[in-house]
Amino acid sequence: MKQAIIKTPLGNTKIVGDENGVSAITVLDEETPISEHIPLELQEATEQLNAYFNGDLKKFQFKINPQGTDFQQRVWKALLEIPFGKTTSYLELSKTLGDVKAIRAVASANSKNPLWIVVPCHRVIGSDGSLTGYAGGLWRKKWLLEHESPSPQQKLF
């Protein structure tokens, strides 16, 4: 597996992958040196992440290869269907997957998403519209939702 560390507005970010696709994108809370060289296998992901943060990209199109259980894969695939600038609730996501009672399992799979931002788990909020748990921290979730808001001058939370 190749890896690279890039700088983003939300902290340094580690990208891991190989010729089969990107398998992990993780925001780091500790200071980590930025990569001087980006491996060829990660260059497209790096360029697209930079374009996303610059406000020039709404849909990622590089090859991904997240590792997880069949259920986690189903949840992550459903997350990919949430459009840029939109949100859904854990309950709605459970309904989409065909089992309203699976809300906790859906939330658990959501929290194990290995592809920060690309598989947009930040677009899942509470049924009452509140910000709820986010592995990267609620302040990052708020930032991402505001970044994707169709009305940038209006604060969502």
N, C-alpha and C. Protein backbone atom coordinates (compact mmCIF):
# COMPACT_ATOMS: atom_id res chain seq x y z
N MET A 1 0.84 -1.18 0.00
CA MET A 1 0.00 0.00 0.00
C MET A 1 0.88 1.25 0.00
N LYS A 2 0.48 2.20 -0.81
CA LYS A 2 1.17 3.49 -0.86
C LYS A 2 0.41 4.44 0.05
N GLN A 3 1.10 5.47 0.51
CA GLN A 3 0.41 6.48 1.31
C GLN A 3 0.99 7.85 1.05
N ALA A 4 0.16 8.86 1.32
CA ALA A 4 0.57 10.25 1.19
C ALA A 4 -0.15 11.05 2.26
N ILE A 5 0.50 12.11 2.71
CA ILE A 5 -0.10 13.04 3.67
C ILE A 5 -0.24 14.38 2.95
N ILE A 6 -1.47 14.91 2.94
CA ILE A 6 -1.71 16.22 2.34
C ILE A 6 -2.29 17.17 3.39
N LYS A 7 -2.16 18.44 3.11
CA LYS A 7 -2.72 19.46 4.00
C LYS A 7 -4.11 19.81 3.51
N THR A 8 -5.09 19.85 4.44
CA THR A 8 -6.44 20.29 4.11
C THR A 8 -6.86 21.34 5.15
N PRO A 9 -7.94 22.07 4.88
CA PRO A 9 -8.41 23.05 5.86
C PRO A 9 -8.82 22.44 7.20
N LEU A 10 -9.03 21.13 7.23
CA LEU A 10 -9.49 20.46 8.45
C LEU A 10 -8.40 19.64 9.13
N GLY A 11 -7.17 19.78 8.66
CA GLY A 11 -6.06 19.05 9.24
C GLY A 11 -5.35 18.22 8.19
N ASN A 12 -4.17 17.77 8.55
CA ASN A 12 -3.43 16.91 7.63
C ASN A 12 -4.20 15.61 7.43
N THR A 13 -4.15 15.11 6.21
CA THR A 13 -4.97 13.98 5.83
C THR A 13 -4.11 12.90 5.19
N LYS A 14 -4.30 11.66 5.67
CA LYS A 14 -3.56 10.53 5.12
C LYS A 14 -4.42 9.81 4.09
N ILE A 15 -3.82 9.55 2.93
CA ILE A 15 -4.48 8.81 1.85
C ILE A 15 -3.69 7.52 1.64
N VAL A 16 -4.39 6.39 1.63
CA VAL A 16 -3.75 5.08 1.48
C VAL A 16 -4.43 4.34 0.33
N GLY A 17 -3.64 3.72 -0.52
CA GLY A 17 -4.21 2.94 -1.60
C GLY A 17 -3.14 2.32 -2.48
N ASP A 18 -3.60 1.65 -3.51
CA ASP A 18 -2.70 1.02 -4.47
C ASP A 18 -3.39 1.02 -5.84
N GLU A 19 -2.91 0.18 -6.74
CA GLU A 19 -3.48 0.15 -8.09
C GLU A 19 -4.94 -0.28 -8.12
N ASN A 20 -5.44 -0.88 -7.02
CA ASN A 20 -6.83 -1.30 -6.94
C ASN A 20 -7.76 -0.18 -6.48
N GLY A 21 -7.19 0.94 -6.06
CA GLY A 21 -7.99 2.07 -5.62
C GLY A 21 -7.57 2.56 -4.24
N VAL A 22 -8.18 3.65 -3.83
CA VAL A 22 -7.91 4.24 -2.52
C VAL A 22 -8.72 3.48 -1.49
N SER A 23 -8.05 3.00 -0.45
CA SER A 23 -8.74 2.20 0.57
C SER A 23 -9.00 2.96 1.86
N ALA A 24 -8.28 4.08 2.07
CA ALA A 24 -8.51 4.84 3.29
C ALA A 24 -8.10 6.30 3.09
N ILE A 25 -8.93 7.17 3.64
CA ILE A 25 -8.61 8.60 3.74
C ILE A 25 -8.99 8.99 5.15
N THR A 26 -7.99 9.46 5.90
CA THR A 26 -8.19 9.74 7.32
C THR A 26 -7.65 11.11 7.66
N VAL A 27 -8.44 11.91 8.37
CA VAL A 27 -7.94 13.18 8.88
C VAL A 27 -7.17 12.88 10.16
N LEU A 28 -6.04 13.55 10.29
CA LEU A 28 -5.15 13.30 11.43
C LEU A 28 -5.26 14.43 12.43
N ASP A 29 -5.30 14.10 13.70
CA ASP A 29 -5.37 15.12 14.73
C ASP A 29 -3.98 15.58 15.16
N GLU A 30 -2.98 14.75 14.92
CA GLU A 30 -1.62 15.14 15.27
C GLU A 30 -0.90 15.72 14.06
N GLU A 31 0.08 16.56 14.32
CA GLU A 31 0.87 17.14 13.24
C GLU A 31 1.71 16.03 12.61
N THR A 32 1.58 15.87 11.32
CA THR A 32 2.32 14.88 10.57
C THR A 32 2.91 15.59 9.35
N PRO A 33 4.16 15.31 9.03
CA PRO A 33 4.77 15.99 7.87
C PRO A 33 4.02 15.71 6.57
N ILE A 34 3.88 16.75 5.77
CA ILE A 34 3.24 16.64 4.46
C ILE A 34 4.18 15.87 3.53
N SER A 35 3.60 15.02 2.68
CA SER A 35 4.41 14.25 1.74
C SER A 35 5.02 15.16 0.69
N GLU A 36 6.30 14.96 0.45
CA GLU A 36 6.98 15.71 -0.60
C GLU A 36 6.69 15.11 -1.97
N HIS A 37 6.42 13.81 -1.99
CA HIS A 37 6.11 13.10 -3.24
C HIS A 37 4.79 12.35 -3.07
N ILE A 38 3.90 12.50 -4.03
CA ILE A 38 2.62 11.77 -4.02
C ILE A 38 2.76 10.59 -4.97
N PRO A 39 2.60 9.36 -4.47
CA PRO A 39 2.67 8.20 -5.37
C PRO A 39 1.65 8.31 -6.51
N LEU A 40 2.01 7.81 -7.65
CA LEU A 40 1.16 7.87 -8.85
C LEU A 40 -0.26 7.36 -8.55
N GLU A 41 -0.36 6.28 -7.77
CA GLU A 41 -1.67 5.66 -7.46
C GLU A 41 -2.58 6.59 -6.65
N LEU A 42 -2.00 7.62 -6.02
CA LEU A 42 -2.78 8.50 -5.15
C LEU A 42 -2.92 9.92 -5.70
N GLN A 43 -2.32 10.18 -6.84
CA GLN A 43 -2.33 11.54 -7.38
C GLN A 43 -3.73 12.03 -7.73
N GLU A 44 -4.54 11.19 -8.36
CA GLU A 44 -5.89 11.61 -8.73
C GLU A 44 -6.72 11.93 -7.49
N ALA A 45 -6.62 11.10 -6.46
CA ALA A 45 -7.35 11.35 -5.21
C ALA A 45 -6.89 12.66 -4.58
N THR A 46 -5.60 12.89 -4.57
CA THR A 46 -5.05 14.12 -4.00
C THR A 46 -5.56 15.34 -4.75
N GLU A 47 -5.53 15.29 -6.07
CA GLU A 47 -6.00 16.41 -6.89
C GLU A 47 -7.49 16.67 -6.64
N GLN A 48 -8.28 15.60 -6.57
CA GLN A 48 -9.72 15.78 -6.38
C GLN A 48 -10.04 16.29 -4.97
N LEU A 49 -9.33 15.82 -3.97
CA LEU A 49 -9.56 16.34 -2.62
C LEU A 49 -9.23 17.83 -2.56
N ASN A 50 -8.12 18.22 -3.17
CA ASN A 50 -7.76 19.64 -3.20
C ASN A 50 -8.82 20.45 -3.93
N ALA A 51 -9.34 19.93 -5.04
CA ALA A 51 -10.40 20.62 -5.79
C ALA A 51 -11.67 20.74 -4.95
N TYR A 52 -12.01 19.68 -4.20
CA TYR A 52 -13.18 19.71 -3.31
C TYR A 52 -13.02 20.84 -2.30
N PHE A 53 -11.88 20.90 -1.63
CA PHE A 53 -11.68 21.93 -0.61
C PHE A 53 -11.61 23.33 -1.21
N ASN A 54 -11.21 23.44 -2.46
CA ASN A 54 -11.20 24.75 -3.14
C ASN A 54 -12.58 25.15 -3.64
N GLY A 55 -13.57 24.24 -3.51
CA GLY A 55 -14.92 24.53 -3.96
C GLY A 55 -15.14 24.26 -5.43
N ASP A 56 -14.22 23.52 -6.05
CA ASP A 56 -14.30 23.26 -7.49
C ASP A 56 -14.78 21.86 -7.84
N LEU A 57 -15.10 21.02 -6.85
CA LEU A 57 -15.50 19.64 -7.12
C LEU A 57 -16.64 19.25 -6.19
N LYS A 58 -17.66 18.64 -6.76
CA LYS A 58 -18.81 18.20 -5.97
C LYS A 58 -18.96 16.68 -5.93
N LYS A 59 -18.30 15.98 -6.84
CA LYS A 59 -18.42 14.52 -6.89
C LYS A 59 -17.05 13.91 -7.19
N PHE A 60 -16.63 13.03 -6.31
CA PHE A 60 -15.34 12.36 -6.50
C PHE A 60 -15.48 11.25 -7.53
N GLN A 61 -14.44 11.09 -8.34
CA GLN A 61 -14.53 10.10 -9.41
C GLN A 61 -13.28 9.23 -9.52
N PHE A 62 -12.49 9.18 -8.47
CA PHE A 62 -11.34 8.27 -8.51
C PHE A 62 -11.76 6.91 -7.98
N LYS A 63 -10.97 5.92 -8.28
CA LYS A 63 -11.26 4.54 -7.91
C LYS A 63 -11.08 4.35 -6.40
N ILE A 64 -12.11 3.78 -5.75
CA ILE A 64 -12.04 3.51 -4.31
C ILE A 64 -12.09 2.01 -4.07
N ASN A 65 -11.52 1.61 -2.95
CA ASN A 65 -11.46 0.19 -2.59
C ASN A 65 -11.51 0.03 -1.07
N PRO A 66 -12.63 0.48 -0.45
CA PRO A 66 -12.73 0.36 1.01
C PRO A 66 -12.92 -1.09 1.43
N GLN A 67 -12.33 -1.45 2.56
CA GLN A 67 -12.44 -2.81 3.09
C GLN A 67 -13.42 -2.82 4.25
N GLY A 68 -14.39 -3.72 4.20
CA GLY A 68 -15.36 -3.84 5.27
C GLY A 68 -16.26 -5.04 5.05
N THR A 69 -17.16 -5.27 5.99
CA THR A 69 -18.11 -6.38 5.87
C THR A 69 -19.10 -6.08 4.74
N ASP A 70 -19.85 -7.08 4.35
CA ASP A 70 -20.87 -6.87 3.31
C ASP A 70 -21.86 -5.79 3.73
N PHE A 71 -22.27 -5.82 5.00
CA PHE A 71 -23.22 -4.81 5.48
C PHE A 71 -22.60 -3.42 5.43
N GLN A 72 -21.38 -3.29 5.91
CA GLN A 72 -20.70 -1.99 5.85
C GLN A 72 -20.61 -1.49 4.41
N GLN A 73 -20.27 -2.37 3.50
CA GLN A 73 -20.18 -2.00 2.09
C GLN A 73 -21.53 -1.48 1.57
N ARG A 74 -22.63 -2.13 1.98
CA ARG A 74 -23.96 -1.68 1.57
C ARG A 74 -24.26 -0.28 2.10
N VAL A 75 -23.90 -0.04 3.37
CA VAL A 75 -24.12 1.28 3.97
C VAL A 75 -23.28 2.33 3.24
N TRP A 76 -22.00 2.03 3.01
CA TRP A 76 -21.12 2.99 2.36
C TRP A 76 -21.59 3.29 0.93
N LYS A 77 -22.10 2.27 0.25
CA LYS A 77 -22.63 2.48 -1.10
C LYS A 77 -23.85 3.41 -1.03
N ALA A 78 -24.70 3.23 -0.03
CA ALA A 78 -25.87 4.11 0.15
C ALA A 78 -25.43 5.55 0.45
N LEU A 79 -24.35 5.70 1.23
CA LEU A 79 -23.84 7.04 1.53
C LEU A 79 -23.41 7.76 0.25
N LEU A 80 -22.87 7.01 -0.69
CA LEU A 80 -22.42 7.61 -1.95
C LEU A 80 -23.58 8.19 -2.76
N GLU A 81 -24.80 7.79 -2.43
CA GLU A 81 -25.98 8.28 -3.15
C GLU A 81 -26.52 9.59 -2.58
N ILE A 82 -25.99 10.04 -1.45
CA ILE A 82 -26.45 11.31 -0.87
C ILE A 82 -25.80 12.44 -1.66
N PRO A 83 -26.60 13.26 -2.32
CA PRO A 83 -26.03 14.31 -3.17
C PRO A 83 -25.27 15.38 -2.39
N PHE A 84 -24.32 15.98 -3.05
CA PHE A 84 -23.57 17.12 -2.52
C PHE A 84 -24.56 18.20 -2.09
N GLY A 85 -24.37 18.75 -0.91
CA GLY A 85 -25.23 19.82 -0.42
C GLY A 85 -26.53 19.34 0.21
N LYS A 86 -26.73 18.04 0.30
CA LYS A 86 -27.94 17.47 0.91
C LYS A 86 -27.55 16.64 2.12
N THR A 87 -28.53 16.39 2.99
CA THR A 87 -28.30 15.52 4.14
C THR A 87 -29.42 14.49 4.21
N THR A 88 -29.19 13.47 5.01
CA THR A 88 -30.22 12.48 5.32
C THR A 88 -30.03 12.11 6.79
N SER A 89 -30.99 11.40 7.34
CA SER A 89 -30.88 10.97 8.74
C SER A 89 -30.51 9.50 8.79
N TYR A 90 -30.06 9.07 9.97
CA TYR A 90 -29.77 7.64 10.16
C TYR A 90 -31.03 6.81 9.92
N LEU A 91 -32.18 7.34 10.36
CA LEU A 91 -33.43 6.62 10.15
C LEU A 91 -33.74 6.48 8.66
N GLU A 92 -33.61 7.56 7.91
CA GLU A 92 -33.87 7.50 6.47
C GLU A 92 -32.90 6.56 5.77
N LEU A 93 -31.64 6.59 6.20
CA LEU A 93 -30.65 5.69 5.62
C LEU A 93 -31.02 4.24 5.91
N SER A 94 -31.50 3.96 7.13
CA SER A 94 -31.95 2.61 7.48
C SER A 94 -33.11 2.18 6.59
N LYS A 95 -34.05 3.09 6.36
CA LYS A 95 -35.19 2.79 5.48
C LYS A 95 -34.72 2.50 4.06
N THR A 96 -33.76 3.29 3.58
CA THR A 96 -33.22 3.09 2.24
C THR A 96 -32.62 1.69 2.10
N LEU A 97 -32.02 1.23 3.17
CA LEU A 97 -31.40 -0.10 3.16
C LEU A 97 -32.40 -1.21 3.44
N GLY A 98 -33.66 -0.85 3.69
CA GLY A 98 -34.72 -1.84 3.82
C GLY A 98 -35.00 -2.36 5.21
N ASP A 99 -34.43 -1.74 6.24
CA ASP A 99 -34.69 -2.23 7.60
C ASP A 99 -34.61 -1.07 8.59
N VAL A 100 -35.78 -0.51 8.92
CA VAL A 100 -35.84 0.62 9.83
C VAL A 100 -35.26 0.28 11.20
N LYS A 101 -35.27 -0.99 11.57
CA LYS A 101 -34.75 -1.41 12.88
C LYS A 101 -33.22 -1.49 12.90
N ALA A 102 -32.59 -1.32 11.76
CA ALA A 102 -31.13 -1.45 11.68
C ALA A 102 -30.42 -0.12 11.93
N ILE A 103 -31.11 0.83 12.52
CA ILE A 103 -30.56 2.17 12.67
C ILE A 103 -29.22 2.18 13.42
N ARG A 104 -29.09 1.39 14.47
CA ARG A 104 -27.82 1.35 15.22
C ARG A 104 -26.72 0.70 14.40
N ALA A 105 -27.06 -0.35 13.67
CA ALA A 105 -26.07 -1.01 12.82
C ALA A 105 -25.61 -0.07 11.71
N VAL A 106 -26.56 0.69 11.16
CA VAL A 106 -26.23 1.67 10.13
C VAL A 106 -25.31 2.75 10.70
N ALA A 107 -25.63 3.23 11.89
CA ALA A 107 -24.79 4.24 12.53
C ALA A 107 -23.39 3.69 12.80
N SER A 108 -23.31 2.44 13.21
CA SER A 108 -22.02 1.81 13.47
C SER A 108 -21.20 1.68 12.17
N ALA A 109 -21.84 1.23 11.11
CA ALA A 109 -21.14 1.11 9.82
C ALA A 109 -20.70 2.48 9.33
N ASN A 110 -21.55 3.47 9.54
CA ASN A 110 -21.24 4.85 9.15
C ASN A 110 -19.97 5.32 9.87
N SER A 111 -19.87 4.99 11.15
CA SER A 111 -18.72 5.44 11.94
C SER A 111 -17.42 4.73 11.55
N LYS A 112 -17.53 3.61 10.86
CA LYS A 112 -16.34 2.86 10.44
C LYS A 112 -15.95 3.15 8.99
N ASN A 113 -16.60 4.13 8.38
CA ASN A 113 -16.29 4.53 7.02
C ASN A 113 -14.80 4.88 6.90
N PRO A 114 -14.06 4.16 6.04
CA PRO A 114 -12.63 4.42 5.93
C PRO A 114 -12.26 5.54 4.95
N LEU A 115 -13.25 6.08 4.25
CA LEU A 115 -12.96 7.07 3.21
C LEU A 115 -13.59 8.42 3.54
N TRP A 116 -12.94 9.11 4.48
CA TRP A 116 -13.37 10.43 4.94
C TRP A 116 -13.70 11.33 3.75
N ILE A 117 -14.81 12.00 3.80
CA ILE A 117 -15.33 12.95 2.82
C ILE A 117 -15.79 12.26 1.55
N VAL A 118 -14.99 11.38 0.97
CA VAL A 118 -15.32 10.76 -0.31
C VAL A 118 -16.59 9.93 -0.20
N VAL A 119 -16.68 9.11 0.83
CA VAL A 119 -17.93 8.42 1.18
C VAL A 119 -18.53 9.33 2.25
N PRO A 120 -19.53 10.12 1.88
CA PRO A 120 -19.93 11.29 2.69
C PRO A 120 -20.76 11.00 3.94
N CYS A 121 -20.14 10.35 4.91
CA CYS A 121 -20.83 10.06 6.17
C CYS A 121 -21.17 11.35 6.92
N HIS A 122 -20.48 12.44 6.60
CA HIS A 122 -20.78 13.72 7.25
C HIS A 122 -22.16 14.25 6.86
N ARG A 123 -22.75 13.72 5.81
CA ARG A 123 -24.08 14.16 5.34
C ARG A 123 -25.21 13.48 6.08
N VAL A 124 -24.90 12.64 7.08
CA VAL A 124 -25.93 11.96 7.87
C VAL A 124 -26.06 12.70 9.20
N ILE A 125 -27.29 13.14 9.47
CA ILE A 125 -27.58 13.91 10.69
C ILE A 125 -28.70 13.23 11.47
N GLY A 126 -29.00 13.76 12.63
CA GLY A 126 -30.09 13.22 13.44
C GLY A 126 -31.44 13.48 12.79
N SER A 127 -32.43 12.68 13.12
CA SER A 127 -33.78 12.84 12.57
C SER A 127 -34.37 14.20 12.89
N ASP A 128 -33.90 14.81 13.99
CA ASP A 128 -34.40 16.13 14.38
C ASP A 128 -33.59 17.27 13.74
N GLY A 129 -32.66 16.90 12.83
CA GLY A 129 -31.85 17.90 12.15
C GLY A 129 -30.58 18.28 12.88
N SER A 130 -30.33 17.64 14.03
CA SER A 130 -29.16 17.98 14.82
C SER A 130 -27.91 17.29 14.28
N LEU A 131 -26.77 17.90 14.56
CA LEU A 131 -25.51 17.24 14.27
C LEU A 131 -25.36 16.11 15.28
N THR A 132 -24.96 14.97 14.80
CA THR A 132 -24.75 13.84 15.71
C THR A 132 -23.33 13.34 15.49
N GLY A 133 -22.94 12.32 16.23
CA GLY A 133 -21.58 11.82 16.22
C GLY A 133 -20.88 11.83 14.88
N TYR A 134 -19.60 12.13 14.94
CA TYR A 134 -18.77 12.14 13.74
C TYR A 134 -17.36 11.81 14.16
N ALA A 135 -16.78 10.78 13.57
CA ALA A 135 -15.46 10.30 13.98
C ALA A 135 -14.40 11.40 13.90
N GLY A 136 -14.54 12.31 12.94
CA GLY A 136 -13.56 13.39 12.79
C GLY A 136 -13.81 14.57 13.71
N GLY A 137 -14.85 14.51 14.51
CA GLY A 137 -15.20 15.61 15.40
C GLY A 137 -16.35 16.43 14.82
N LEU A 138 -17.27 16.83 15.68
CA LEU A 138 -18.45 17.58 15.21
C LEU A 138 -18.08 18.90 14.55
N TRP A 139 -16.99 19.53 14.96
CA TRP A 139 -16.60 20.80 14.34
C TRP A 139 -16.24 20.58 12.87
N ARG A 140 -15.63 19.42 12.56
CA ARG A 140 -15.33 19.13 11.15
C ARG A 140 -16.60 18.84 10.37
N LYS A 141 -17.53 18.11 10.97
CA LYS A 141 -18.79 17.81 10.31
C LYS A 141 -19.52 19.12 9.99
N LYS A 142 -19.57 20.01 10.95
CA LYS A 142 -20.21 21.32 10.73
C LYS A 142 -19.52 22.06 9.58
N TRP A 143 -18.20 22.08 9.58
CA TRP A 143 -17.45 22.76 8.54
C TRP A 143 -17.79 22.17 7.16
N LEU A 144 -17.80 20.84 7.07
CA LEU A 144 -18.07 20.18 5.79
C LEU A 144 -19.48 20.49 5.29
N LEU A 145 -20.47 20.43 6.18
CA LEU A 145 -21.84 20.73 5.76
C LEU A 145 -21.99 22.18 5.32
N GLU A 146 -21.33 23.09 6.01
CA GLU A 146 -21.37 24.50 5.60
C GLU A 146 -20.62 24.70 4.28
N HIS A 147 -19.52 23.98 4.09
CA HIS A 147 -18.75 24.05 2.84
C HIS A 147 -19.61 23.60 1.66
N GLU A 148 -20.47 22.61 1.88
CA GLU A 148 -21.31 22.06 0.82
C GLU A 148 -22.66 22.76 0.71
N SER A 149 -22.94 23.67 1.61
CA SER A 149 -24.23 24.36 1.60
C SER A 149 -24.41 25.16 0.32
N PRO A 150 -25.60 25.08 -0.30
CA PRO A 150 -25.84 25.85 -1.52
C PRO A 150 -25.83 27.36 -1.27
N SER A 151 -26.02 27.78 -0.03
CA SER A 151 -25.98 29.20 0.33
C SER A 151 -24.82 29.42 1.28
N PRO A 152 -23.61 29.66 0.75
CA PRO A 152 -22.44 29.75 1.62
C PRO A 152 -22.53 30.83 2.68
N GLN A 153 -23.29 31.89 2.45
CA GLN A 153 -23.38 32.94 3.45
C GLN A 153 -24.29 32.56 4.60
N GLN A 154 -25.10 31.52 4.44
CA GLN A 154 -26.02 31.08 5.49
C GLN A 154 -25.39 29.95 6.27
N LYS A 155 -25.36 30.04 7.58
CA LYS A 155 -24.82 29.00 8.43
C LYS A 155 -25.92 27.99 8.73
N LEU A 156 -25.59 26.70 8.58
CA LEU A 156 -26.58 25.66 8.85
C LEU A 156 -26.70 25.35 10.33
N PHE A 157 -25.60 25.39 11.06
CA PHE A 157 -25.62 24.99 12.47
C PHE A 157 -24.91 26.02 13.30
